[in-house]
Amino acid sequence: MAEIIPETPEATPPSGDGRHITFTDVVEFMEAAGVSGPCPYCGNPKWELLVGDNENDVRKTPTIPTVVQGKEQSGISASTHFPVILAICNRCAYTRLHSRKKISNWVRDGKPELPRDE
């Protein structure tokens, strides 16, 4: 099993909006999903996770910009960005992206066992 290193100490307690997830939640999700192994490129077992603070605040959470057809975009908003969790190899800097929404929903649903065939 790989060692996962937080980018910051455990975040503040949940805000009640169902979207707050902690570093520990992300580690538990990755272990449940079977993706907590070493880097596929260099074999290093150490990863850094960039989790962010809140899915609704794109200034504090890693995101991928998305295109909204037919709407003029001015500035940054949650509707134009897809929140992600970054897992970065500490040796070669290989970077994986994981859907923050999927992990948040898994936490909200009580961390059920994840099916292996989806």
C-alpha atoms as a PDB file:
ATOM      1  CA  MET A   1       0.000   0.000   0.000  1.00  0.00           C
ATOM      2  CA  ALA A   2       1.230   3.499  -0.816  1.00  0.00           C
ATOM      3  CA  GLU A   3       1.866   6.189   1.756  1.00  0.00           C
ATOM      4  CA  ILE A   4      -0.324   9.247   1.214  1.00  0.00           C
ATOM      5  CA  ILE A   5       0.896  12.551   2.600  1.00  0.00           C
ATOM      6  CA  PRO A   6      -1.506  15.460   3.293  1.00  0.00           C
ATOM      7  CA  GLU A   7      -0.774  18.846   1.756  1.00  0.00           C
ATOM      8  CA  THR A   8      -2.078  20.469   4.958  1.00  0.00           C
ATOM      9  CA  PRO A   9      -3.347  19.238   8.321  1.00  0.00           C
ATOM     10  CA  GLU A  10      -6.893  17.858   8.575  1.00  0.00           C
ATOM     11  CA  ALA A  11      -9.411  20.466   7.469  1.00  0.00           C
ATOM     12  CA  THR A  12     -12.048  22.105   9.625  1.00  0.00           C
ATOM     13  CA  PRO A  13     -15.160  20.163  10.706  1.00  0.00           C
ATOM     14  CA  PRO A  14     -17.941  19.586   8.143  1.00  0.00           C
ATOM     15  CA  SER A  15     -20.057  22.629   7.365  1.00  0.00           C
ATOM     16  CA  GLY A  16     -23.275  20.636   6.985  1.00  0.00           C
ATOM     17  CA  ASP A  17     -23.603  21.328   3.256  1.00  0.00           C
ATOM     18  CA  GLY A  18     -22.758  17.718   2.353  1.00  0.00           C
ATOM     19  CA  ARG A  19     -19.786  18.778   0.259  1.00  0.00           C
ATOM     20  CA  HIS A  20     -17.030  19.034   2.849  1.00  0.00           C
ATOM     21  CA  ILE A  21     -14.622  16.124   2.797  1.00  0.00           C
ATOM     22  CA  THR A  22     -11.479  15.579   4.811  1.00  0.00           C
ATOM     23  CA  PHE A  23      -8.066  14.241   3.895  1.00  0.00           C
ATOM     24  CA  THR A  24      -8.973  11.041   5.788  1.00  0.00           C
ATOM     25  CA  ASP A  25     -12.192  10.679   3.726  1.00  0.00           C
ATOM     26  CA  VAL A  26     -10.147  10.843   0.514  1.00  0.00           C
ATOM     27  CA  VAL A  27      -7.620   8.264   1.748  1.00  0.00           C
ATOM     28  CA  GLU A  28     -10.457   5.924   2.808  1.00  0.00           C
ATOM     29  CA  PHE A  29     -12.137   6.341  -0.599  1.00  0.00           C
ATOM     30  CA  MET A  30      -8.910   5.551  -2.466  1.00  0.00           C
ATOM     31  CA  GLU A  31      -8.349   2.450  -0.341  1.00  0.00           C
ATOM     32  CA  ALA A  32     -11.986   1.331  -0.855  1.00  0.00           C
ATOM     33  CA  ALA A  33     -11.643   1.901  -4.617  1.00  0.00           C
ATOM     34  CA  GLY A  34      -8.349   0.005  -4.782  1.00  0.00           C
ATOM     35  CA  VAL A  35      -6.337   2.978  -6.079  1.00  0.00           C
ATOM     36  CA  SER A  36      -3.962   3.517  -3.152  1.00  0.00           C
ATOM     37  CA  GLY A  37      -0.992   1.684  -4.677  1.00  0.00           C
ATOM     38  CA  PRO A  38       2.383   2.981  -5.854  1.00  0.00           C
ATOM     39  CA  CYS A  39       2.922   5.281  -8.823  1.00  0.00           C
ATOM     40  CA  PRO A  40       2.360   3.390 -12.111  1.00  0.00           C
ATOM     41  CA  TYR A  41       5.332   5.171 -13.732  1.00  0.00           C
ATOM     42  CA  CYS A  42       8.166   5.143 -11.197  1.00  0.00           C
ATOM     43  CA  GLY A  43       6.899   2.751  -8.503  1.00  0.00           C
ATOM     44  CA  ASN A  44       7.249   5.283  -5.682  1.00  0.00           C
ATOM     45  CA  PRO A  45       4.803   4.512  -2.842  1.00  0.00           C
ATOM     46  CA  LYS A  46       4.477   8.122  -1.601  1.00  0.00           C
ATOM     47  CA  TRP A  47       1.726  10.443  -2.852  1.00  0.00           C
ATOM     48  CA  GLU A  48       0.717  13.975  -1.890  1.00  0.00           C
ATOM     49  CA  LEU A  49      -3.009  14.775  -1.956  1.00  0.00           C
ATOM     50  CA  LEU A  50      -4.379  18.227  -2.741  1.00  0.00           C
ATOM     51  CA  VAL A  51      -7.925  18.134  -1.390  1.00  0.00           C
ATOM     52  CA  GLY A  52      -8.933  21.793  -1.060  1.00  0.00           C
ATOM     53  CA  ASP A  53     -11.426  23.322   1.351  1.00  0.00           C
ATOM     54  CA  ASN A  54     -14.867  23.398  -0.206  1.00  0.00           C
ATOM     55  CA  GLU A  55     -16.331  22.182  -3.490  1.00  0.00           C
ATOM     56  CA  ASN A  56     -18.466  25.338  -3.761  1.00  0.00           C
ATOM     57  CA  ASP A  57     -15.500  27.719  -3.520  1.00  0.00           C
ATOM     58  CA  VAL A  58     -13.315  27.298  -6.598  1.00  0.00           C
ATOM     59  CA  ARG A  59     -10.738  29.716  -5.163  1.00  0.00           C
ATOM     60  CA  LYS A  60      -9.878  27.132  -2.472  1.00  0.00           C
ATOM     61  CA  THR A  61     -10.315  23.854  -4.363  1.00  0.00           C
ATOM     62  CA  PRO A  62      -8.413  22.377  -7.349  1.00  0.00           C
ATOM     63  CA  THR A  63     -10.683  22.517 -10.411  1.00  0.00           C
ATOM     64  CA  ILE A  64     -10.752  21.846 -14.132  1.00  0.00           C
ATOM     65  CA  PRO A  65     -12.380  24.589 -16.217  1.00  0.00           C
ATOM     66  CA  THR A  66     -15.402  23.453 -18.208  1.00  0.00           C
ATOM     67  CA  VAL A  67     -17.137  25.028 -21.197  1.00  0.00           C
ATOM     68  CA  VAL A  68     -20.713  26.202 -20.764  1.00  0.00           C
ATOM     69  CA  GLN A  69     -22.272  26.504 -24.224  1.00  0.00           C
ATOM     70  CA  GLY A  70     -24.347  29.596 -24.937  1.00  0.00           C
ATOM     71  CA  LYS A  71     -23.310  31.497 -21.807  1.00  0.00           C
ATOM     72  CA  GLU A  72     -20.929  34.378 -21.623  1.00  0.00           C
ATOM     73  CA  GLN A  73     -18.293  33.671 -18.989  1.00  0.00           C
ATOM     74  CA  SER A  74     -16.941  36.434 -16.819  1.00  0.00           C
ATOM     75  CA  GLY A  75     -14.757  35.348 -13.929  1.00  0.00           C
ATOM     76  CA  ILE A  76     -14.695  32.044 -12.082  1.00  0.00           C
ATOM     77  CA  SER A  77     -17.791  30.266 -10.811  1.00  0.00           C
ATOM     78  CA  ALA A  78     -18.634  26.778  -9.578  1.00  0.00           C
ATOM     79  CA  SER A  79     -20.828  26.231 -12.647  1.00  0.00           C
ATOM     80  CA  THR A  80     -17.829  26.597 -14.997  1.00  0.00           C
ATOM     81  CA  HIS A  81     -15.379  24.458 -13.034  1.00  0.00           C
ATOM     82  CA  PHE A  82     -15.256  20.762 -12.163  1.00  0.00           C
ATOM     83  CA  PRO A  83     -13.797  20.194  -8.656  1.00  0.00           C
ATOM     84  CA  VAL A  84     -11.099  17.524  -8.377  1.00  0.00           C
ATOM     85  CA  ILE A  85      -8.741  15.912  -5.887  1.00  0.00           C
ATOM     86  CA  LEU A  86      -5.136  15.740  -7.068  1.00  0.00           C
ATOM     87  CA  ALA A  87      -2.830  12.851  -6.177  1.00  0.00           C
ATOM     88  CA  ILE A  88       0.779  13.742  -7.006  1.00  0.00           C
ATOM     89  CA  CYS A  89       3.687  11.277  -6.913  1.00  0.00           C
ATOM     90  CA  ASN A  90       6.418  12.592  -4.622  1.00  0.00           C
ATOM     91  CA  ARG A  91       9.194  11.268  -6.913  1.00  0.00           C
ATOM     92  CA  CYS A  92       8.254  11.806 -10.570  1.00  0.00           C
ATOM     93  CA  ALA A  93       5.343  14.280 -10.122  1.00  0.00           C
ATOM     94  CA  TYR A  94       2.913  12.080 -12.058  1.00  0.00           C
ATOM     95  CA  THR A  95      -0.524  13.569 -11.288  1.00  0.00           C
ATOM     96  CA  ARG A  96      -3.877  11.795 -11.058  1.00  0.00           C
ATOM     97  CA  LEU A  97      -7.252  13.530 -10.903  1.00  0.00           C
ATOM     98  CA  HIS A  98     -10.209  12.181  -8.932  1.00  0.00           C
ATOM     99  CA  SER A  99     -13.759  13.575  -8.976  1.00  0.00           C
ATOM    100  CA  ARG A 100     -14.357  15.488  -5.747  1.00  0.00           C
ATOM    101  CA  LYS A 101     -18.126  15.153  -6.261  1.00  0.00           C
ATOM    102  CA  LYS A 102     -17.951  11.346  -6.483  1.00  0.00           C
ATOM    103  CA  ILE A 103     -15.898  11.172  -3.276  1.00  0.00           C
ATOM    104  CA  SER A 104     -18.178  13.697  -1.551  1.00  0.00           C
ATOM    105  CA  ASN A 105     -21.257  11.655  -2.531  1.00  0.00           C
ATOM    106  CA  TRP A 106     -19.600   8.475  -1.230  1.00  0.00           C
ATOM    107  CA  VAL A 107     -18.976  10.186   2.132  1.00  0.00           C
ATOM    108  CA  ARG A 108     -22.536  11.597   2.191  1.00  0.00           C
ATOM    109  CA  ASP A 109     -23.944   8.103   1.527  1.00  0.00           C
ATOM    110  CA  GLY A 110     -22.128   6.656   4.550  1.00  0.00           C
ATOM    111  CA  LYS A 111     -19.027   5.290   2.757  1.00  0.00           C
ATOM    112  CA  PRO A 112     -20.635   2.180   1.254  1.00  0.00           C
ATOM    113  CA  GLU A 113     -18.583  -0.640  -0.259  1.00  0.00           C
ATOM    114  CA  LEU A 114     -17.631   0.213  -3.816  1.00  0.00           C
ATOM    115  CA  PRO A 115     -18.510  -2.277  -6.542  1.00  0.00           C
ATOM    116  CA  ARG A 116     -15.498  -3.554  -8.510  1.00  0.00           C
ATOM    117  CA  ASP A 117     -17.324  -3.918 -11.840  1.00  0.00           C
ATOM    118  CA  GLU A 118     -18.346  -0.313 -12.606  1.00  0.00           C
END
